[in-house]
Amino acid sequence: MPAPLPISARRRAPRGSVIVVVLTTLMFAALALVAFMDRAAVDLLVDHRESVKRRLRVEAFSALEMTLGGTGRVQGGGQRPAQPRRGLG
């Protein structure tokens, strides 16, 4: 009959498997976190672009109004701006 293993040899086996399980779990958690951060970064980039687009559109319309107002004054020769017609006729 073979000799029984010493107590120190019996304890090593479970420790090694626990470390492997813990490291594997940490690796999967890190991969999940990286995937989540990647998706979140893309979503934030899209939201940022939308907000910049809205802000630039408001500035463009404001500049267009200023340009059209200035053009109306130049074409009027310093006279009053034309009044819109009222009614259907």
PDB file of N, CA and C in Angstrom:
ATOM      1  N   MET A   1       0.838  -1.166   0.000  1.00  0.00           N
ATOM      2  CA  MET A   1       0.000   0.000   0.000  1.00  0.00           C
ATOM      3  C   MET A   1       0.891   1.240   0.000  1.00  0.00           C
ATOM      4  N   PRO A   2       0.553   2.223  -0.831  1.00  0.00           N
ATOM      5  CA  PRO A   2       1.391   3.414  -0.874  1.00  0.00           C
ATOM      6  C   PRO A   2       1.261   4.230   0.401  1.00  0.00           C
ATOM      7  N   ALA A   3       2.279   4.968   0.673  1.00  0.00           N
ATOM      8  CA  ALA A   3       2.293   5.788   1.887  1.00  0.00           C
ATOM      9  C   ALA A   3       1.347   6.976   1.703  1.00  0.00           C
ATOM     10  N   PRO A   4       0.619   7.339   2.775  1.00  0.00           N
ATOM     11  CA  PRO A   4      -0.291   8.494   2.656  1.00  0.00           C
ATOM     12  C   PRO A   4       0.503   9.781   2.482  1.00  0.00           C
ATOM     13  N   LEU A   5      -0.136  10.728   1.787  1.00  0.00           N
ATOM     14  CA  LEU A   5       0.517  12.015   1.550  1.00  0.00           C
ATOM     15  C   LEU A   5       0.607  12.812   2.845  1.00  0.00           C
ATOM     16  N   PRO A   6       1.677  13.556   3.011  1.00  0.00           N
ATOM     17  CA  PRO A   6       1.746  14.403   4.207  1.00  0.00           C
ATOM     18  C   PRO A   6       0.642  15.468   4.158  1.00  0.00           C
ATOM     19  N   ILE A   7       0.338  16.026   5.292  1.00  0.00           N
ATOM     20  CA  ILE A   7      -0.736  17.015   5.406  1.00  0.00           C
ATOM     21  C   ILE A   7      -0.445  18.246   4.546  1.00  0.00           C
ATOM     22  N   SER A   8       0.787  18.681   4.460  1.00  0.00           N
ATOM     23  CA  SER A   8       1.124  19.861   3.673  1.00  0.00           C
ATOM     24  C   SER A   8       0.845  19.636   2.192  1.00  0.00           C
ATOM     25  N   ALA A   9       1.029  18.437   1.685  1.00  0.00           N
ATOM     26  CA  ALA A   9       0.773  18.129   0.275  1.00  0.00           C
ATOM     27  C   ALA A   9      -0.724  18.096  -0.005  1.00  0.00           C
ATOM     28  N   ARG A  10      -1.509  17.670   0.956  1.00  0.00           N
ATOM     29  CA  ARG A  10      -2.963  17.621   0.774  1.00  0.00           C
ATOM     30  C   ARG A  10      -3.559  19.029   0.678  1.00  0.00           C
ATOM     31  N   ARG A  11      -3.020  19.973   1.384  1.00  0.00           N
ATOM     32  CA  ARG A  11      -3.577  21.337   1.399  1.00  0.00           C
ATOM     33  C   ARG A  11      -3.235  22.127   0.144  1.00  0.00           C
ATOM     34  N   ARG A  12      -2.186  21.807  -0.531  1.00  0.00           N
ATOM     35  CA  ARG A  12      -1.759  22.581  -1.704  1.00  0.00           C
ATOM     36  C   ARG A  12      -2.722  22.439  -2.873  1.00  0.00           C
ATOM     37  N   ALA A  13      -3.246  21.280  -3.086  1.00  0.00           N
ATOM     38  CA  ALA A  13      -4.097  21.039  -4.249  1.00  0.00           C
ATOM     39  C   ALA A  13      -5.321  21.967  -4.279  1.00  0.00           C
ATOM     40  N   PRO A  14      -6.101  22.074  -3.225  1.00  0.00           N
ATOM     41  CA  PRO A  14      -7.271  22.961  -3.277  1.00  0.00           C
ATOM     42  C   PRO A  14      -6.880  24.439  -3.429  1.00  0.00           C
ATOM     43  N   ARG A  15      -5.785  24.863  -2.851  1.00  0.00           N
ATOM     44  CA  ARG A  15      -5.376  26.266  -2.971  1.00  0.00           C
ATOM     45  C   ARG A  15      -5.115  26.643  -4.425  1.00  0.00           C
ATOM     46  N   GLY A  16      -4.446  25.783  -5.128  1.00  0.00           N
ATOM     47  CA  GLY A  16      -4.133  26.078  -6.530  1.00  0.00           C
ATOM     48  C   GLY A  16      -5.392  26.207  -7.371  1.00  0.00           C
ATOM     49  N   SER A  17      -6.360  25.357  -7.143  1.00  0.00           N
ATOM     50  CA  SER A  17      -7.590  25.439  -7.929  1.00  0.00           C
ATOM     51  C   SER A  17      -8.399  26.678  -7.562  1.00  0.00           C
ATOM     52  N   VAL A  18      -8.383  27.069  -6.295  1.00  0.00           N
ATOM     53  CA  VAL A  18      -9.100  28.288  -5.885  1.00  0.00           C
ATOM     54  C   VAL A  18      -8.473  29.518  -6.544  1.00  0.00           C
ATOM     55  N   ILE A  19      -7.164  29.561  -6.589  1.00  0.00           N
ATOM     56  CA  ILE A  19      -6.488  30.701  -7.227  1.00  0.00           C
ATOM     57  C   ILE A  19      -6.838  30.767  -8.701  1.00  0.00           C
ATOM     58  N   VAL A  20      -6.860  29.615  -9.368  1.00  0.00           N
ATOM     59  CA  VAL A  20      -7.217  29.580 -10.792  1.00  0.00           C
ATOM     60  C   VAL A  20      -8.647  30.063 -10.995  1.00  0.00           C
ATOM     61  N   VAL A  21      -9.569  29.648 -10.150  1.00  0.00           N
ATOM     62  CA  VAL A  21     -10.969  30.072 -10.265  1.00  0.00           C
ATOM     63  C   VAL A  21     -11.089  31.576 -10.030  1.00  0.00           C
ATOM     64  N   VAL A  22     -10.411  32.073  -9.023  1.00  0.00           N
ATOM     65  CA  VAL A  22     -10.471  33.507  -8.720  1.00  0.00           C
ATOM     66  C   VAL A  22      -9.876  34.328  -9.857  1.00  0.00           C
ATOM     67  N   LEU A  23      -8.731  33.924 -10.377  1.00  0.00           N
ATOM     68  CA  LEU A  23      -8.116  34.673 -11.475  1.00  0.00           C
ATOM     69  C   LEU A  23      -8.971  34.630 -12.738  1.00  0.00           C
ATOM     70  N   THR A  24      -9.587  33.485 -13.007  1.00  0.00           N
ATOM     71  CA  THR A  24     -10.478  33.383 -14.168  1.00  0.00           C
ATOM     72  C   THR A  24     -11.683  34.298 -14.002  1.00  0.00           C
ATOM     73  N   THR A  25     -12.250  34.329 -12.812  1.00  0.00           N
ATOM     74  CA  THR A  25     -13.380  35.212 -12.540  1.00  0.00           C
ATOM     75  C   THR A  25     -12.990  36.673 -12.704  1.00  0.00           C
ATOM     76  N   LEU A  26     -11.822  37.044 -12.203  1.00  0.00           N
ATOM     77  CA  LEU A  26     -11.347  38.424 -12.362  1.00  0.00           C
ATOM     78  C   LEU A  26     -11.124  38.774 -13.824  1.00  0.00           C
ATOM     79  N   MET A  27     -10.621  37.822 -14.598  1.00  0.00           N
ATOM     80  CA  MET A  27     -10.398  38.077 -16.016  1.00  0.00           C
ATOM     81  C   MET A  27     -11.729  38.330 -16.726  1.00  0.00           C
ATOM     82  N   PHE A  28     -12.740  37.503 -16.466  1.00  0.00           N
ATOM     83  CA  PHE A  28     -14.042  37.712 -17.095  1.00  0.00           C
ATOM     84  C   PHE A  28     -14.676  39.019 -16.646  1.00  0.00           C
ATOM     85  N   ALA A  29     -14.524  39.381 -15.379  1.00  0.00           N
ATOM     86  CA  ALA A  29     -15.063  40.656 -14.887  1.00  0.00           C
ATOM     87  C   ALA A  29     -14.362  41.828 -15.564  1.00  0.00           C
ATOM     88  N   ALA A  30     -13.063  41.734 -15.756  1.00  0.00           N
ATOM     89  CA  ALA A  30     -12.322  42.805 -16.429  1.00  0.00           C
ATOM     90  C   ALA A  30     -12.758  42.930 -17.886  1.00  0.00           C
ATOM     91  N   LEU A  31     -12.952  41.800 -18.559  1.00  0.00           N
ATOM     92  CA  LEU A  31     -13.417  41.845 -19.951  1.00  0.00           C
ATOM     93  C   LEU A  31     -14.812  42.456 -20.048  1.00  0.00           C
ATOM     94  N   ALA A  32     -15.686  42.103 -19.128  1.00  0.00           N
ATOM     95  CA  ALA A  32     -17.038  42.678 -19.126  1.00  0.00           C
ATOM     96  C   ALA A  32     -16.982  44.186 -18.869  1.00  0.00           C
ATOM     97  N   LEU A  33     -16.113  44.604 -17.978  1.00  0.00           N
ATOM     98  CA  LEU A  33     -15.970  46.031 -17.689  1.00  0.00           C
ATOM     99  C   LEU A  33     -15.438  46.794 -18.890  1.00  0.00           C
ATOM    100  N   VAL A  34     -14.477  46.232 -19.586  1.00  0.00           N
ATOM    101  CA  VAL A  34     -13.929  46.875 -20.780  1.00  0.00           C
ATOM    102  C   VAL A  34     -14.994  46.980 -21.866  1.00  0.00           C
ATOM    103  N   ALA A  35     -15.783  45.932 -22.054  1.00  0.00           N
ATOM    104  CA  ALA A  35     -16.856  45.962 -23.055  1.00  0.00           C
ATOM    105  C   ALA A  35     -17.888  47.028 -22.690  1.00  0.00           C
ATOM    106  N   PHE A  36     -18.252  47.120 -21.416  1.00  0.00           N
ATOM    107  CA  PHE A  36     -19.206  48.137 -20.976  1.00  0.00           C
ATOM    108  C   PHE A  36     -18.652  49.540 -21.199  1.00  0.00           C
ATOM    109  N   MET A  37     -17.383  49.745 -20.880  1.00  0.00           N
ATOM    110  CA  MET A  37     -16.784  51.068 -21.071  1.00  0.00           C
ATOM    111  C   MET A  37     -16.728  51.447 -22.545  1.00  0.00           C
ATOM    112  N   ASP A  38     -16.477  50.475 -23.402  1.00  0.00           N
ATOM    113  CA  ASP A  38     -16.438  50.740 -24.832  1.00  0.00           C
ATOM    114  C   ASP A  38     -17.810  51.185 -25.333  1.00  0.00           C
ATOM    115  N   ARG A  39     -18.853  50.479 -24.929  1.00  0.00           N
ATOM    116  CA  ARG A  39     -20.214  50.874 -25.328  1.00  0.00           C
ATOM    117  C   ARG A  39     -20.579  52.236 -24.760  1.00  0.00           C
ATOM    118  N   ALA A  40     -20.230  52.487 -23.526  1.00  0.00           N
ATOM    119  CA  ALA A  40     -20.552  53.768 -22.902  1.00  0.00           C
ATOM    120  C   ALA A  40     -19.821  54.910 -23.605  1.00  0.00           C
ATOM    121  N   ALA A  41     -18.580  54.677 -24.018  1.00  0.00           N
ATOM    122  CA  ALA A  41     -17.822  55.717 -24.715  1.00  0.00           C
ATOM    123  C   ALA A  41     -18.473  56.054 -26.046  1.00  0.00           C
ATOM    124  N   VAL A  42     -18.949  55.055 -26.756  1.00  0.00           N
ATOM    125  CA  VAL A  42     -19.621  55.299 -28.041  1.00  0.00           C
ATOM    126  C   VAL A  42     -20.910  56.078 -27.809  1.00  0.00           C
ATOM    127  N   ASP A  43     -21.683  55.703 -26.802  1.00  0.00           N
ATOM    128  CA  ASP A  43     -22.926  56.416 -26.508  1.00  0.00           C
ATOM    129  C   ASP A  43     -22.655  57.863 -26.135  1.00  0.00           C
ATOM    130  N   LEU A  44     -21.625  58.095 -25.338  1.00  0.00           N
ATOM    131  CA  LEU A  44     -21.287  59.470 -24.969  1.00  0.00           C
ATOM    132  C   LEU A  44     -20.837  60.273 -26.178  1.00  0.00           C
ATOM    133  N   LEU A  45     -20.115  59.660 -27.071  1.00  0.00           N
ATOM    134  CA  LEU A  45     -19.664  60.356 -28.277  1.00  0.00           C
ATOM    135  C   LEU A  45     -20.849  60.754 -29.143  1.00  0.00           C
ATOM    136  N   VAL A  46     -21.825  59.872 -29.286  1.00  0.00           N
ATOM    137  CA  VAL A  46     -23.019  60.190 -30.073  1.00  0.00           C
ATOM    138  C   VAL A  46     -23.791  61.321 -29.424  1.00  0.00           C
ATOM    139  N   ASP A  47     -23.986  61.270 -28.110  1.00  0.00           N
ATOM    140  CA  ASP A  47     -24.700  62.342 -27.412  1.00  0.00           C
ATOM    141  C   ASP A  47     -23.972  63.669 -27.555  1.00  0.00           C
ATOM    142  N   HIS A  48     -22.658  63.641 -27.472  1.00  0.00           N
ATOM    143  CA  HIS A  48     -21.878  64.877 -27.606  1.00  0.00           C
ATOM    144  C   HIS A  48     -22.039  65.464 -29.006  1.00  0.00           C
ATOM    145  N   ARG A  49     -21.986  64.618 -30.013  1.00  0.00           N
ATOM    146  CA  ARG A  49     -22.149  65.107 -31.388  1.00  0.00           C
ATOM    147  C   ARG A  49     -23.533  65.712 -31.606  1.00  0.00           C
ATOM    148  N   GLU A  50     -24.556  65.095 -31.029  1.00  0.00           N
ATOM    149  CA  GLU A  50     -25.915  65.629 -31.162  1.00  0.00           C
ATOM    150  C   GLU A  50     -26.020  67.005 -30.506  1.00  0.00           C
ATOM    151  N   SER A  51     -25.434  67.165 -29.335  1.00  0.00           N
ATOM    152  CA  SER A  51     -25.527  68.456 -28.654  1.00  0.00           C
ATOM    153  C   SER A  51     -24.746  69.527 -29.402  1.00  0.00           C
ATOM    154  N   VAL A  52     -23.597  69.171 -29.957  1.00  0.00           N
ATOM    155  CA  VAL A  52     -22.823  70.134 -30.746  1.00  0.00           C
ATOM    156  C   VAL A  52     -23.595  70.511 -31.997  1.00  0.00           C
ATOM    157  N   LYS A  53     -24.247  69.529 -32.623  1.00  0.00           N
ATOM    158  CA  LYS A  53     -25.015  69.795 -33.840  1.00  0.00           C
ATOM    159  C   LYS A  53     -26.160  70.772 -33.549  1.00  0.00           C
ATOM    160  N   ARG A  54     -26.859  70.565 -32.434  1.00  0.00           N
ATOM    161  CA  ARG A  54     -27.956  71.484 -32.071  1.00  0.00           C
ATOM    162  C   ARG A  54     -27.430  72.888 -31.814  1.00  0.00           C
ATOM    163  N   ARG A  55     -26.327  72.982 -31.078  1.00  0.00           N
ATOM    164  CA  ARG A  55     -25.773  74.302 -30.767  1.00  0.00           C
ATOM    165  C   ARG A  55     -25.309  75.015 -32.034  1.00  0.00           C
ATOM    166  N   LEU A  56     -24.659  74.303 -32.926  1.00  0.00           N
ATOM    167  CA  LEU A  56     -24.190  74.918 -34.164  1.00  0.00           C
ATOM    168  C   LEU A  56     -25.347  75.319 -35.063  1.00  0.00           C
ATOM    169  N   ARG A  57     -26.422  74.552 -35.059  1.00  0.00           N
ATOM    170  CA  ARG A  57     -27.585  74.910 -35.860  1.00  0.00           C
ATOM    171  C   ARG A  57     -28.195  76.229 -35.364  1.00  0.00           C
ATOM    172  N   VAL A  58     -28.294  76.393 -34.051  1.00  0.00           N
ATOM    173  CA  VAL A  58     -28.825  77.639 -33.496  1.00  0.00           C
ATOM    174  C   VAL A  58     -27.923  78.813 -33.884  1.00  0.00           C
ATOM    175  N   GLU A  59     -26.616  78.634 -33.782  1.00  0.00           N
ATOM    176  CA  GLU A  59     -25.689  79.706 -34.163  1.00  0.00           C
ATOM    177  C   GLU A  59     -25.781  80.022 -35.650  1.00  0.00           C
ATOM    178  N   ALA A  60     -25.967  79.002 -36.493  1.00  0.00           N
ATOM    179  CA  ALA A  60     -26.073  79.232 -37.935  1.00  0.00           C
ATOM    180  C   ALA A  60     -27.340  80.004 -38.269  1.00  0.00           C
ATOM    181  N   PHE A  61     -28.460  79.649 -37.648  1.00  0.00           N
ATOM    182  CA  PHE A  61     -29.694  80.389 -37.907  1.00  0.00           C
ATOM    183  C   PHE A  61     -29.591  81.823 -37.408  1.00  0.00           C
ATOM    184  N   SER A  62     -28.927  82.015 -36.291  1.00  0.00           N
ATOM    185  CA  SER A  62     -28.734  83.370 -35.775  1.00  0.00           C
ATOM    186  C   SER A  62     -27.886  84.194 -36.745  1.00  0.00           C
ATOM    187  N   ALA A  63     -26.829  83.616 -37.267  1.00  0.00           N
ATOM    188  CA  ALA A  63     -25.988  84.318 -38.229  1.00  0.00           C
ATOM    189  C   ALA A  63     -26.749  84.591 -39.518  1.00  0.00           C
ATOM    190  N   LEU A  64     -27.600  83.676 -39.942  1.00  0.00           N
ATOM    191  CA  LEU A  64     -28.408  83.873 -41.148  1.00  0.00           C
ATOM    192  C   LEU A  64     -29.383  85.030 -40.961  1.00  0.00           C
ATOM    193  N   GLU A  65     -29.999  85.106 -39.795  1.00  0.00           N
ATOM    194  CA  GLU A  65     -30.909  86.225 -39.512  1.00  0.00           C
ATOM    195  C   GLU A  65     -30.162  87.554 -39.545  1.00  0.00           C
ATOM    196  N   MET A  66     -28.970  87.575 -38.970  1.00  0.00           N
ATOM    197  CA  MET A  66     -28.180  88.817 -38.986  1.00  0.00           C
ATOM    198  C   MET A  66     -27.812  89.203 -40.418  1.00  0.00           C
ATOM    199  N   THR A  67     -27.428  88.222 -41.216  1.00  0.00           N
ATOM    200  CA  THR A  67     -27.045  88.491 -42.604  1.00  0.00           C
ATOM    201  C   THR A  67     -28.235  89.001 -43.398  1.00  0.00           C
ATOM    202  N   LEU A  68     -29.382  88.361 -43.248  1.00  0.00           N
ATOM    203  CA  LEU A  68     -30.566  88.802 -43.977  1.00  0.00           C
ATOM    204  C   LEU A  68     -31.016  90.188 -43.516  1.00  0.00           C
ATOM    205  N   GLY A  69     -30.881  90.472 -42.232  1.00  0.00           N
ATOM    206  CA  GLY A  69     -31.227  91.806 -41.731  1.00  0.00           C
ATOM    207  C   GLY A  69     -30.305  92.868 -42.309  1.00  0.00           C
ATOM    208  N   GLY A  70     -29.019  92.563 -42.362  1.00  0.00           N
ATOM    209  CA  GLY A  70     -28.063  93.508 -42.948  1.00  0.00           C
ATOM    210  C   GLY A  70     -28.288  93.690 -44.433  1.00  0.00           C
ATOM    211  N   THR A  71     -28.633  92.642 -45.138  1.00  0.00           N
ATOM    212  CA  THR A  71     -28.899  92.731 -46.571  1.00  0.00           C
ATOM    213  C   THR A  71     -30.124  93.592 -46.833  1.00  0.00           C
ATOM    214  N   GLY A  72     -31.126  93.470 -46.012  1.00  0.00           N
ATOM    215  CA  GLY A  72     -32.343  94.287 -46.169  1.00  0.00           C
ATOM    216  C   GLY A  72     -32.049  95.766 -45.999  1.00  0.00           C
ATOM    217  N   ARG A  73     -31.198  96.121 -45.102  1.00  0.00           N
ATOM    218  CA  ARG A  73     -30.845  97.533 -44.902  1.00  0.00           C
ATOM    219  C   ARG A  73     -30.056  98.079 -46.083  1.00  0.00           C
ATOM    220  N   VAL A  74     -29.120  97.276 -46.582  1.00  0.00           N
ATOM    221  CA  VAL A  74     -28.290  97.735 -47.700  1.00  0.00           C
ATOM    222  C   VAL A  74     -29.142  97.920 -48.936  1.00  0.00           C
ATOM    223  N   GLN A  75     -30.039  97.036 -49.250  1.00  0.00           N
ATOM    224  CA  GLN A  75     -30.874  97.140 -50.437  1.00  0.00           C
ATOM    225  C   GLN A  75     -31.904  98.245 -50.299  1.00  0.00           C
ATOM    226  N   GLY A  76     -32.314  98.564 -49.093  1.00  0.00           N
ATOM    227  CA  GLY A  76     -33.319  99.613 -48.879  1.00  0.00           C
ATOM    228  C   GLY A  76     -32.751 101.011 -49.049  1.00  0.00           C
ATOM    229  N   GLY A  77     -31.452 101.170 -49.133  1.00  0.00           N
ATOM    230  CA  GLY A  77     -30.851 102.483 -49.300  1.00  0.00           C
ATOM    231  C   GLY A  77     -31.084 103.393 -48.113  1.00  0.00           C
ATOM    232  N   GLY A  78     -31.208 102.861 -46.955  1.00  0.00           N
ATOM    233  CA  GLY A  78     -31.396 103.661 -45.758  1.00  0.00           C
ATOM    234  C   GLY A  78     -32.854 103.975 -45.492  1.00  0.00           C
ATOM    235  N   GLN A  79     -33.752 103.528 -46.356  1.00  0.00           N
ATOM    236  CA  GLN A  79     -35.177 103.757 -46.143  1.00  0.00           C
ATOM    237  C   GLN A  79     -35.712 102.737 -45.154  1.00  0.00           C
ATOM    238  N   ARG A  80     -36.958 102.967 -44.820  1.00  0.00           N
ATOM    239  CA  ARG A  80     -37.593 102.010 -43.918  1.00  0.00           C
ATOM    240  C   ARG A  80     -37.728 100.661 -44.606  1.00  0.00           C
ATOM    241  N   PRO A  81     -37.642  99.606 -43.854  1.00  0.00           N
ATOM    242  CA  PRO A  81     -37.859  98.302 -44.475  1.00  0.00           C
ATOM    243  C   PRO A  81     -39.291  98.175 -44.969  1.00  0.00           C
ATOM    244  N   ALA A  82     -39.491  97.417 -46.022  1.00  0.00           N
ATOM    245  CA  ALA A  82     -40.824  97.246 -46.597  1.00  0.00           C
ATOM    246  C   ALA A  82     -41.742  96.571 -45.593  1.00  0.00           C
ATOM    247  N   GLN A  83     -42.977  97.050 -45.519  1.00  0.00           N
ATOM    248  CA  GLN A  83     -43.955  96.466 -44.618  1.00  0.00           C
ATOM    249  C   GLN A  83     -44.633  95.289 -45.329  1.00  0.00           C
ATOM    250  N   PRO A  84     -44.864  94.217 -44.624  1.00  0.00           N
ATOM    251  CA  PRO A  84     -45.548  93.087 -45.267  1.00  0.00           C
ATOM    252  C   PRO A  84     -46.976  93.452 -45.627  1.00  0.00           C
ATOM    253  N   ARG A  85     -47.492  92.887 -46.715  1.00  0.00           N
ATOM    254  CA  ARG A  85     -48.876  93.135 -47.111  1.00  0.00           C
ATOM    255  C   ARG A  85     -49.789  92.439 -46.144  1.00  0.00           C
ATOM    256  N   ARG A  86     -50.930  93.080 -45.945  1.00  0.00           N
ATOM    257  CA  ARG A  86     -51.907  92.487 -45.033  1.00  0.00           C
ATOM    258  C   ARG A  86     -53.107  92.050 -45.845  1.00  0.00           C
ATOM    259  N   GLY A  87     -53.683  90.985 -45.455  1.00  0.00           N
ATOM    260  CA  GLY A  87     -54.859  90.499 -46.147  1.00  0.00           C
ATOM    261  C   GLY A  87     -54.485  89.606 -47.319  1.00  0.00           C
ATOM    262  N   LEU A  88     -55.478  89.247 -48.094  1.00  0.00           N
ATOM    263  CA  LEU A  88     -55.252  88.356 -49.202  1.00  0.00           C
ATOM    264  C   LEU A  88     -54.996  89.098 -50.500  1.00  0.00           C
ATOM    265  N   GLY A  89     -55.317  90.351 -50.610  1.00  0.00           N
ATOM    266  CA  GLY A  89     -55.239  91.058 -51.897  1.00  0.00           C
ATOM    267  C   GLY A  89     -53.993  91.787 -52.035  1.00  0.00           C
TER     268      GLY A  89
END
